[in-house]
């Protein structure tokens, strides 16, 4: 498999300005695909964008991915974030990479190329847990449903693993491993604890820290801060502030 030969032959493929062994092509209006060979020349780092193409940002991503080739390709981690990525005018602080099987950029038309292609995109540190906390299925769900990597104008979507059970609404999580969620879901379930004795909400942040919140008939009971296991009483506003700080900090 020669990735360079395959990609350079794509319809409309042109050399990417300022990056050796890299190409850009646009299969449809608003879609811009860019890719560069890894340092060993045997793998491909690809950036796909939809209605948000920024040549300078993509160039920085491709060059950084090539520089970090050894780290990105080192093991079987399905989803990885490399700290220290910055680009002027943007708030991104990591370069993220998803291995084949998490993305499916070329699975239909070029299955051999698919197996050597890593999807790279800019991200925020709070969006990514340690690689060992992801199964392939977890990484795929995070990549496809939460991170929206093709949108280079996106805001951060903090990593949240969620467990909850509500005795009033009768809703909850059945999966012992929890579910991925967005802030809007966590915010809603924390508020719904009011008036629901025996209910709980647990959530885990990108650092692997787990927090638990219950309602005892008058106050929210919060545990998990700085490894604290004994719950303390807190008002809803404080609980929400602690949760948001934990997810972004």
C-alpha atoms as a PDB file:
ATOM      1  CA  UNK A   1       0.000   0.000   0.000  1.00  0.00           C
ATOM      2  CA  UNK A   2       1.405   3.352  -1.124  1.00  0.00           C
ATOM      3  CA  UNK A   3      -0.806   6.031   0.480  1.00  0.00           C
ATOM      4  CA  UNK A   4       0.791   8.799  -1.553  1.00  0.00           C
ATOM      5  CA  UNK A   5      -0.023   7.117  -4.862  1.00  0.00           C
ATOM      6  CA  UNK A   6      -3.652   6.535  -3.858  1.00  0.00           C
ATOM      7  CA  UNK A   7      -4.385   9.984  -2.435  1.00  0.00           C
ATOM      8  CA  UNK A   8      -2.584  11.971  -5.115  1.00  0.00           C
ATOM      9  CA  UNK A   9      -4.778  10.211  -7.713  1.00  0.00           C
ATOM     10  CA  UNK A  10      -8.058  11.300  -6.084  1.00  0.00           C
ATOM     11  CA  UNK A  11     -10.151  13.555  -8.374  1.00  0.00           C
ATOM     12  CA  UNK A  12      -9.167  17.169  -7.800  1.00  0.00           C
ATOM     13  CA  UNK A  13      -6.289  16.354  -5.456  1.00  0.00           C
ATOM     14  CA  UNK A  14      -3.638  19.086  -5.322  1.00  0.00           C
ATOM     15  CA  UNK A  15      -0.456  19.507  -3.355  1.00  0.00           C
ATOM     16  CA  UNK A  16      -1.160  21.123   0.000  1.00  0.00           C
ATOM     17  CA  UNK A  17       0.638  24.482   0.176  1.00  0.00           C
ATOM     18  CA  UNK A  18       3.569  24.505   2.559  1.00  0.00           C
ATOM     19  CA  UNK A  19       3.452  20.833   3.527  1.00  0.00           C
ATOM     20  CA  UNK A  20       5.563  18.275   1.612  1.00  0.00           C
ATOM     21  CA  UNK A  21       3.832  14.993   0.773  1.00  0.00           C
ATOM     22  CA  UNK A  22       0.394  16.385   1.551  1.00  0.00           C
ATOM     23  CA  UNK A  23      -2.734  16.929  -0.505  1.00  0.00           C
ATOM     24  CA  UNK A  24      -6.049  18.763  -0.487  1.00  0.00           C
ATOM     25  CA  UNK A  25      -9.213  17.833  -2.369  1.00  0.00           C
ATOM     26  CA  UNK A  26     -12.876  18.818  -2.233  1.00  0.00           C
ATOM     27  CA  UNK A  27     -15.395  16.139  -3.241  1.00  0.00           C
ATOM     28  CA  UNK A  28     -18.368  18.516  -2.892  1.00  0.00           C
ATOM     29  CA  UNK A  29     -19.054  22.171  -2.050  1.00  0.00           C
ATOM     30  CA  UNK A  30     -18.366  22.792   1.623  1.00  0.00           C
ATOM     31  CA  UNK A  31     -16.360  19.588   2.056  1.00  0.00           C
ATOM     32  CA  UNK A  32     -12.591  19.936   2.256  1.00  0.00           C
ATOM     33  CA  UNK A  33     -10.317  16.968   2.827  1.00  0.00           C
ATOM     34  CA  UNK A  34      -6.595  17.280   3.524  1.00  0.00           C
ATOM     35  CA  UNK A  35      -4.016  14.618   4.269  1.00  0.00           C
ATOM     36  CA  UNK A  36      -0.288  14.248   4.855  1.00  0.00           C
ATOM     37  CA  UNK A  37       2.018  11.283   5.052  1.00  0.00           C
ATOM     38  CA  UNK A  38       3.359  10.297   8.457  1.00  0.00           C
ATOM     39  CA  UNK A  39       7.076  10.565   9.130  1.00  0.00           C
ATOM     40  CA  UNK A  40       7.598   6.946   8.042  1.00  0.00           C
ATOM     41  CA  UNK A  41       5.657   7.481   4.811  1.00  0.00           C
ATOM     42  CA  UNK A  42       3.469   4.429   5.464  1.00  0.00           C
ATOM     43  CA  UNK A  43       0.521   6.094   7.211  1.00  0.00           C
ATOM     44  CA  UNK A  44      -1.782   8.992   6.475  1.00  0.00           C
ATOM     45  CA  UNK A  45      -3.001  11.770   8.759  1.00  0.00           C
ATOM     46  CA  UNK A  46      -6.255  13.210   7.397  1.00  0.00           C
ATOM     47  CA  UNK A  47      -8.327  16.273   8.319  1.00  0.00           C
ATOM     48  CA  UNK A  48     -11.925  16.378   7.048  1.00  0.00           C
ATOM     49  CA  UNK A  49     -13.877  19.628   7.364  1.00  0.00           C
ATOM     50  CA  UNK A  50     -17.419  20.685   6.578  1.00  0.00           C
ATOM     51  CA  UNK A  51     -18.223  24.371   5.984  1.00  0.00           C
ATOM     52  CA  UNK A  52     -15.339  25.442   8.206  1.00  0.00           C
ATOM     53  CA  UNK A  53     -12.115  25.010   6.222  1.00  0.00           C
ATOM     54  CA  UNK A  54      -9.172  27.065   7.486  1.00  0.00           C
ATOM     55  CA  UNK A  55      -6.022  26.405   5.484  1.00  0.00           C
ATOM     56  CA  UNK A  56      -3.692  27.781   8.149  1.00  0.00           C
ATOM     57  CA  UNK A  57      -5.217  25.696  10.915  1.00  0.00           C
ATOM     58  CA  UNK A  58      -5.225  22.560   8.775  1.00  0.00           C
ATOM     59  CA  UNK A  59      -1.595  23.150   7.827  1.00  0.00           C
ATOM     60  CA  UNK A  60      -0.678  23.374  11.510  1.00  0.00           C
ATOM     61  CA  UNK A  61      -2.576  20.157  12.222  1.00  0.00           C
ATOM     62  CA  UNK A  62      -0.856  18.226   9.447  1.00  0.00           C
ATOM     63  CA  UNK A  63       2.624  19.448  10.383  1.00  0.00           C
ATOM     64  CA  UNK A  64       2.069  18.723  14.080  1.00  0.00           C
ATOM     65  CA  UNK A  65       0.666  15.272  13.362  1.00  0.00           C
ATOM     66  CA  UNK A  66       3.714  14.416  11.256  1.00  0.00           C
ATOM     67  CA  UNK A  67       6.046  15.705  13.977  1.00  0.00           C
ATOM     68  CA  UNK A  68       4.182  13.607  16.558  1.00  0.00           C
ATOM     69  CA  UNK A  69       3.957  10.528  14.301  1.00  0.00           C
ATOM     70  CA  UNK A  70       5.709   8.187  16.701  1.00  0.00           C
ATOM     71  CA  UNK A  71       3.391   9.122  19.564  1.00  0.00           C
ATOM     72  CA  UNK A  72       0.202   8.958  17.505  1.00  0.00           C
ATOM     73  CA  UNK A  73       1.037   5.583  15.956  1.00  0.00           C
ATOM     74  CA  UNK A  74       2.701   4.002  18.995  1.00  0.00           C
ATOM     75  CA  UNK A  75      -0.047   1.646  20.171  1.00  0.00           C
ATOM     76  CA  UNK A  76      -3.647   0.573  19.678  1.00  0.00           C
ATOM     77  CA  UNK A  77      -5.241   3.547  21.467  1.00  0.00           C
ATOM     78  CA  UNK A  78      -8.508   4.205  19.617  1.00  0.00           C
ATOM     79  CA  UNK A  79      -8.604   7.894  20.515  1.00  0.00           C
ATOM     80  CA  UNK A  80      -5.718  10.023  21.695  1.00  0.00           C
ATOM     81  CA  UNK A  81      -5.096  13.708  22.431  1.00  0.00           C
ATOM     82  CA  UNK A  82      -1.604  15.198  22.301  1.00  0.00           C
ATOM     83  CA  UNK A  83      -1.216  18.323  24.453  1.00  0.00           C
ATOM     84  CA  UNK A  84       0.528  21.524  23.437  1.00  0.00           C
ATOM     85  CA  UNK A  85      -1.186  22.215  20.113  1.00  0.00           C
ATOM     86  CA  UNK A  86      -1.932  25.908  19.558  1.00  0.00           C
ATOM     87  CA  UNK A  87      -2.890  28.049  16.591  1.00  0.00           C
ATOM     88  CA  UNK A  88      -3.209  31.806  16.592  1.00  0.00           C
ATOM     89  CA  UNK A  89      -6.767  33.032  16.986  1.00  0.00           C
ATOM     90  CA  UNK A  90      -8.046  29.644  18.157  1.00  0.00           C
ATOM     91  CA  UNK A  91      -8.650  28.251  21.634  1.00  0.00           C
ATOM     92  CA  UNK A  92      -7.769  24.632  20.805  1.00  0.00           C
ATOM     93  CA  UNK A  93      -5.089  23.161  23.089  1.00  0.00           C
ATOM     94  CA  UNK A  94      -4.658  19.562  21.863  1.00  0.00           C
ATOM     95  CA  UNK A  95      -4.285  17.674  18.623  1.00  0.00           C
ATOM     96  CA  UNK A  96      -6.545  14.632  18.601  1.00  0.00           C
ATOM     97  CA  UNK A  97      -6.252  11.474  16.545  1.00  0.00           C
ATOM     98  CA  UNK A  98      -8.693   8.636  15.905  1.00  0.00           C
ATOM     99  CA  UNK A  99      -7.442   5.342  14.532  1.00  0.00           C
ATOM    100  CA  UNK A 100      -9.060   3.244  11.764  1.00  0.00           C
ATOM    101  CA  UNK A 101     -12.284   1.693  12.989  1.00  0.00           C
ATOM    102  CA  UNK A 102     -13.164   4.789  14.984  1.00  0.00           C
ATOM    103  CA  UNK A 103     -13.438   6.770  11.762  1.00  0.00           C
ATOM    104  CA  UNK A 104     -14.433   5.313   8.401  1.00  0.00           C
ATOM    105  CA  UNK A 105     -13.006   7.859   5.981  1.00  0.00           C
ATOM    106  CA  UNK A 106     -12.035   5.323   3.301  1.00  0.00           C
ATOM    107  CA  UNK A 107     -13.711   2.108   4.427  1.00  0.00           C
ATOM    108  CA  UNK A 108     -16.089   1.905   1.479  1.00  0.00           C
ATOM    109  CA  UNK A 109     -14.010   2.934  -1.525  1.00  0.00           C
ATOM    110  CA  UNK A 110     -10.425   2.357  -0.374  1.00  0.00           C
ATOM    111  CA  UNK A 111     -10.363  -0.322   2.369  1.00  0.00           C
ATOM    112  CA  UNK A 112      -6.575  -0.702   2.199  1.00  0.00           C
ATOM    113  CA  UNK A 113      -6.070   3.037   2.614  1.00  0.00           C
ATOM    114  CA  UNK A 114      -8.579   3.001   5.471  1.00  0.00           C
ATOM    115  CA  UNK A 115      -6.314   0.705   7.482  1.00  0.00           C
ATOM    116  CA  UNK A 116      -3.400   3.183   7.432  1.00  0.00           C
ATOM    117  CA  UNK A 117      -5.357   6.426   7.858  1.00  0.00           C
ATOM    118  CA  UNK A 118      -5.643   8.281  11.168  1.00  0.00           C
ATOM    119  CA  UNK A 119      -8.206  11.079  11.484  1.00  0.00           C
ATOM    120  CA  UNK A 120      -6.682  14.163  13.085  1.00  0.00           C
ATOM    121  CA  UNK A 121      -8.497  17.228  14.339  1.00  0.00           C
ATOM    122  CA  UNK A 122      -8.088  20.036  16.882  1.00  0.00           C
ATOM    123  CA  UNK A 123      -9.636  19.729  20.310  1.00  0.00           C
ATOM    124  CA  UNK A 124      -9.715  20.763  23.927  1.00  0.00           C
ATOM    125  CA  UNK A 125      -8.048  18.849  26.757  1.00  0.00           C
ATOM    126  CA  UNK A 126     -11.302  18.553  28.714  1.00  0.00           C
ATOM    127  CA  UNK A 127     -12.844  16.511  25.875  1.00  0.00           C
ATOM    128  CA  UNK A 128     -10.504  13.514  26.142  1.00  0.00           C
ATOM    129  CA  UNK A 129      -9.982  10.961  28.882  1.00  0.00           C
ATOM    130  CA  UNK A 130      -6.919   8.762  29.161  1.00  0.00           C
ATOM    131  CA  UNK A 131      -6.772   6.415  26.143  1.00  0.00           C
ATOM    132  CA  UNK A 132      -7.147   3.366  28.379  1.00  0.00           C
ATOM    133  CA  UNK A 133     -10.642   4.520  29.404  1.00  0.00           C
ATOM    134  CA  UNK A 134     -11.953   4.085  25.844  1.00  0.00           C
ATOM    135  CA  UNK A 135     -13.102   0.935  24.169  1.00  0.00           C
ATOM    136  CA  UNK A 136     -13.275   1.129  20.379  1.00  0.00           C
ATOM    137  CA  UNK A 137     -17.060   1.497  20.699  1.00  0.00           C
ATOM    138  CA  UNK A 138     -16.656   4.326  23.229  1.00  0.00           C
ATOM    139  CA  UNK A 139     -14.189   6.119  20.994  1.00  0.00           C
ATOM    140  CA  UNK A 140     -16.434   5.732  17.949  1.00  0.00           C
ATOM    141  CA  UNK A 141     -19.441   7.129  19.819  1.00  0.00           C
ATOM    142  CA  UNK A 142     -17.432  10.047  21.148  1.00  0.00           C
ATOM    143  CA  UNK A 143     -15.968  10.788  17.707  1.00  0.00           C
ATOM    144  CA  UNK A 144     -19.245  10.593  15.798  1.00  0.00           C
ATOM    145  CA  UNK A 145     -21.827  11.955  18.267  1.00  0.00           C
ATOM    146  CA  UNK A 146     -20.018  14.409  20.511  1.00  0.00           C
ATOM    147  CA  UNK A 147     -16.784  15.793  19.103  1.00  0.00           C
ATOM    148  CA  UNK A 148     -17.993  16.819  15.593  1.00  0.00           C
ATOM    149  CA  UNK A 149     -14.382  16.896  14.322  1.00  0.00           C
ATOM    150  CA  UNK A 150     -15.346  18.198  10.875  1.00  0.00           C
ATOM    151  CA  UNK A 151     -16.425  21.510  12.423  1.00  0.00           C
ATOM    152  CA  UNK A 152     -13.308  23.602  12.979  1.00  0.00           C
ATOM    153  CA  UNK A 153     -15.434  26.355  14.524  1.00  0.00           C
ATOM    154  CA  UNK A 154     -16.864  24.247  17.332  1.00  0.00           C
ATOM    155  CA  UNK A 155     -16.771  24.951  21.041  1.00  0.00           C
ATOM    156  CA  UNK A 156     -15.579  22.382  23.561  1.00  0.00           C
ATOM    157  CA  UNK A 157     -17.765  19.431  24.528  1.00  0.00           C
ATOM    158  CA  UNK A 158     -16.334  18.189  27.846  1.00  0.00           C
ATOM    159  CA  UNK A 159     -15.963  14.458  28.416  1.00  0.00           C
ATOM    160  CA  UNK A 160     -18.792  13.250  30.653  1.00  0.00           C
ATOM    161  CA  UNK A 161     -19.476   9.647  31.636  1.00  0.00           C
ATOM    162  CA  UNK A 162     -22.848   9.587  33.383  1.00  0.00           C
ATOM    163  CA  UNK A 163     -24.783   7.243  35.700  1.00  0.00           C
ATOM    164  CA  UNK A 164     -28.126   8.220  37.225  1.00  0.00           C
ATOM    165  CA  UNK A 165     -31.392   6.906  38.610  1.00  0.00           C
ATOM    166  CA  UNK A 166     -34.420   9.061  39.389  1.00  0.00           C
ATOM    167  CA  UNK A 167     -37.229   7.651  41.510  1.00  0.00           C
ATOM    168  CA  UNK A 168     -39.736  10.248  40.289  1.00  0.00           C
ATOM    169  CA  UNK A 169     -39.125  10.383  36.540  1.00  0.00           C
ATOM    170  CA  UNK A 170     -38.306   6.637  36.483  1.00  0.00           C
ATOM    171  CA  UNK A 171     -35.423   7.359  34.129  1.00  0.00           C
ATOM    172  CA  UNK A 172     -31.875   6.181  34.570  1.00  0.00           C
ATOM    173  CA  UNK A 173     -28.899   4.382  33.083  1.00  0.00           C
ATOM    174  CA  UNK A 174     -28.867   0.595  32.686  1.00  0.00           C
ATOM    175  CA  UNK A 175     -25.289   0.255  31.449  1.00  0.00           C
ATOM    176  CA  UNK A 176     -22.929  -0.365  34.403  1.00  0.00           C
ATOM    177  CA  UNK A 177     -20.199   1.376  32.410  1.00  0.00           C
ATOM    178  CA  UNK A 178     -22.302   4.546  32.183  1.00  0.00           C
ATOM    179  CA  UNK A 179     -23.184   6.586  29.122  1.00  0.00           C
ATOM    180  CA  UNK A 180     -21.553   9.480  27.334  1.00  0.00           C
ATOM    181  CA  UNK A 181     -23.510  12.681  27.815  1.00  0.00           C
ATOM    182  CA  UNK A 182     -23.423  16.390  27.161  1.00  0.00           C
ATOM    183  CA  UNK A 183     -23.632  19.109  29.773  1.00  0.00           C
ATOM    184  CA  UNK A 184     -27.306  19.728  28.994  1.00  0.00           C
ATOM    185  CA  UNK A 185     -28.143  16.167  30.125  1.00  0.00           C
ATOM    186  CA  UNK A 186     -26.081  16.342  33.310  1.00  0.00           C
ATOM    187  CA  UNK A 187     -27.533  19.765  34.130  1.00  0.00           C
ATOM    188  CA  UNK A 188     -31.074  18.457  33.667  1.00  0.00           C
ATOM    189  CA  UNK A 189     -30.581  15.348  35.795  1.00  0.00           C
ATOM    190  CA  UNK A 190     -28.952  17.293  38.633  1.00  0.00           C
ATOM    191  CA  UNK A 191     -31.926  19.668  38.731  1.00  0.00           C
ATOM    192  CA  UNK A 192     -34.393  16.774  38.634  1.00  0.00           C
ATOM    193  CA  UNK A 193     -32.974  15.417  41.909  1.00  0.00           C
ATOM    194  CA  UNK A 194     -35.028  18.103  43.678  1.00  0.00           C
ATOM    195  CA  UNK A 195     -37.965  16.306  45.299  1.00  0.00           C
ATOM    196  CA  UNK A 196     -36.714  12.836  44.332  1.00  0.00           C
ATOM    197  CA  UNK A 197     -35.401  11.098  47.491  1.00  0.00           C
ATOM    198  CA  UNK A 198     -33.431   7.952  46.815  1.00  0.00           C
ATOM    199  CA  UNK A 199     -32.224   9.283  43.473  1.00  0.00           C
ATOM    200  CA  UNK A 200     -28.607   9.896  42.479  1.00  0.00           C
ATOM    201  CA  UNK A 201     -26.411  11.271  39.725  1.00  0.00           C
ATOM    202  CA  UNK A 202     -22.805  10.202  39.227  1.00  0.00           C
ATOM    203  CA  UNK A 203     -20.489  11.639  36.610  1.00  0.00           C
ATOM    204  CA  UNK A 204     -16.860  11.178  35.628  1.00  0.00           C
ATOM    205  CA  UNK A 205     -14.677  13.845  34.048  1.00  0.00           C
ATOM    206  CA  UNK A 206     -11.760  13.638  31.626  1.00  0.00           C
ATOM    207  CA  UNK A 207      -9.314  13.183  34.511  1.00  0.00           C
ATOM    208  CA  UNK A 208     -11.127  10.030  35.622  1.00  0.00           C
ATOM    209  CA  UNK A 209     -12.497  11.741  38.742  1.00  0.00           C
ATOM    210  CA  UNK A 210     -15.985  10.590  39.747  1.00  0.00           C
ATOM    211  CA  UNK A 211     -18.535  12.722  41.574  1.00  0.00           C
ATOM    212  CA  UNK A 212     -21.841  11.687  43.160  1.00  0.00           C
ATOM    213  CA  UNK A 213     -24.846  13.859  43.950  1.00  0.00           C
ATOM    214  CA  UNK A 214     -27.951  12.833  45.912  1.00  0.00           C
ATOM    215  CA  UNK A 215     -30.962  14.659  47.364  1.00  0.00           C
ATOM    216  CA  UNK A 216     -32.012  14.062  50.977  1.00  0.00           C
ATOM    217  CA  UNK A 217     -35.280  15.976  51.085  1.00  0.00           C
ATOM    218  CA  UNK A 218     -33.883  19.453  51.505  1.00  0.00           C
ATOM    219  CA  UNK A 219     -30.339  19.657  50.189  1.00  0.00           C
ATOM    220  CA  UNK A 220     -28.127  18.225  47.522  1.00  0.00           C
ATOM    221  CA  UNK A 221     -25.429  15.927  48.910  1.00  0.00           C
ATOM    222  CA  UNK A 222     -22.162  16.160  46.983  1.00  0.00           C
ATOM    223  CA  UNK A 223     -19.194  13.811  47.243  1.00  0.00           C
ATOM    224  CA  UNK A 224     -16.048  13.206  45.227  1.00  0.00           C
ATOM    225  CA  UNK A 225     -14.305  16.579  45.523  1.00  0.00           C
ATOM    226  CA  UNK A 226     -10.535  16.117  45.820  1.00  0.00           C
ATOM    227  CA  UNK A 227     -11.060  12.475  46.634  1.00  0.00           C
ATOM    228  CA  UNK A 228     -13.544  13.288  49.394  1.00  0.00           C
ATOM    229  CA  UNK A 229     -15.896  10.367  50.004  1.00  0.00           C
ATOM    230  CA  UNK A 230     -18.039  11.833  52.755  1.00  0.00           C
ATOM    231  CA  UNK A 231     -20.900  13.829  51.187  1.00  0.00           C
ATOM    232  CA  UNK A 232     -21.409  17.467  52.091  1.00  0.00           C
ATOM    233  CA  UNK A 233     -24.533  19.560  51.814  1.00  0.00           C
ATOM    234  CA  UNK A 234     -24.699  22.089  48.999  1.00  0.00           C
ATOM    235  CA  UNK A 235     -27.255  24.171  47.172  1.00  0.00           C
ATOM    236  CA  UNK A 236     -28.076  23.524  43.546  1.00  0.00           C
ATOM    237  CA  UNK A 237     -26.094  26.526  42.272  1.00  0.00           C
ATOM    238  CA  UNK A 238     -22.988  25.306  44.073  1.00  0.00           C
ATOM    239  CA  UNK A 239     -23.444  21.760  42.793  1.00  0.00           C
ATOM    240  CA  UNK A 240     -23.716  23.014  39.227  1.00  0.00           C
ATOM    241  CA  UNK A 241     -20.658  25.240  39.647  1.00  0.00           C
ATOM    242  CA  UNK A 242     -18.601  22.364  41.061  1.00  0.00           C
ATOM    243  CA  UNK A 243     -19.703  20.103  38.206  1.00  0.00           C
ATOM    244  CA  UNK A 244     -18.830  22.604  35.496  1.00  0.00           C
ATOM    245  CA  UNK A 245     -15.445  23.358  37.049  1.00  0.00           C
ATOM    246  CA  UNK A 246     -14.668  19.633  37.316  1.00  0.00           C
ATOM    247  CA  UNK A 247     -15.563  19.032  33.693  1.00  0.00           C
ATOM    248  CA  UNK A 248     -13.499  21.892  32.289  1.00  0.00           C
ATOM    249  CA  UNK A 249     -10.605  22.034  34.724  1.00  0.00           C
END
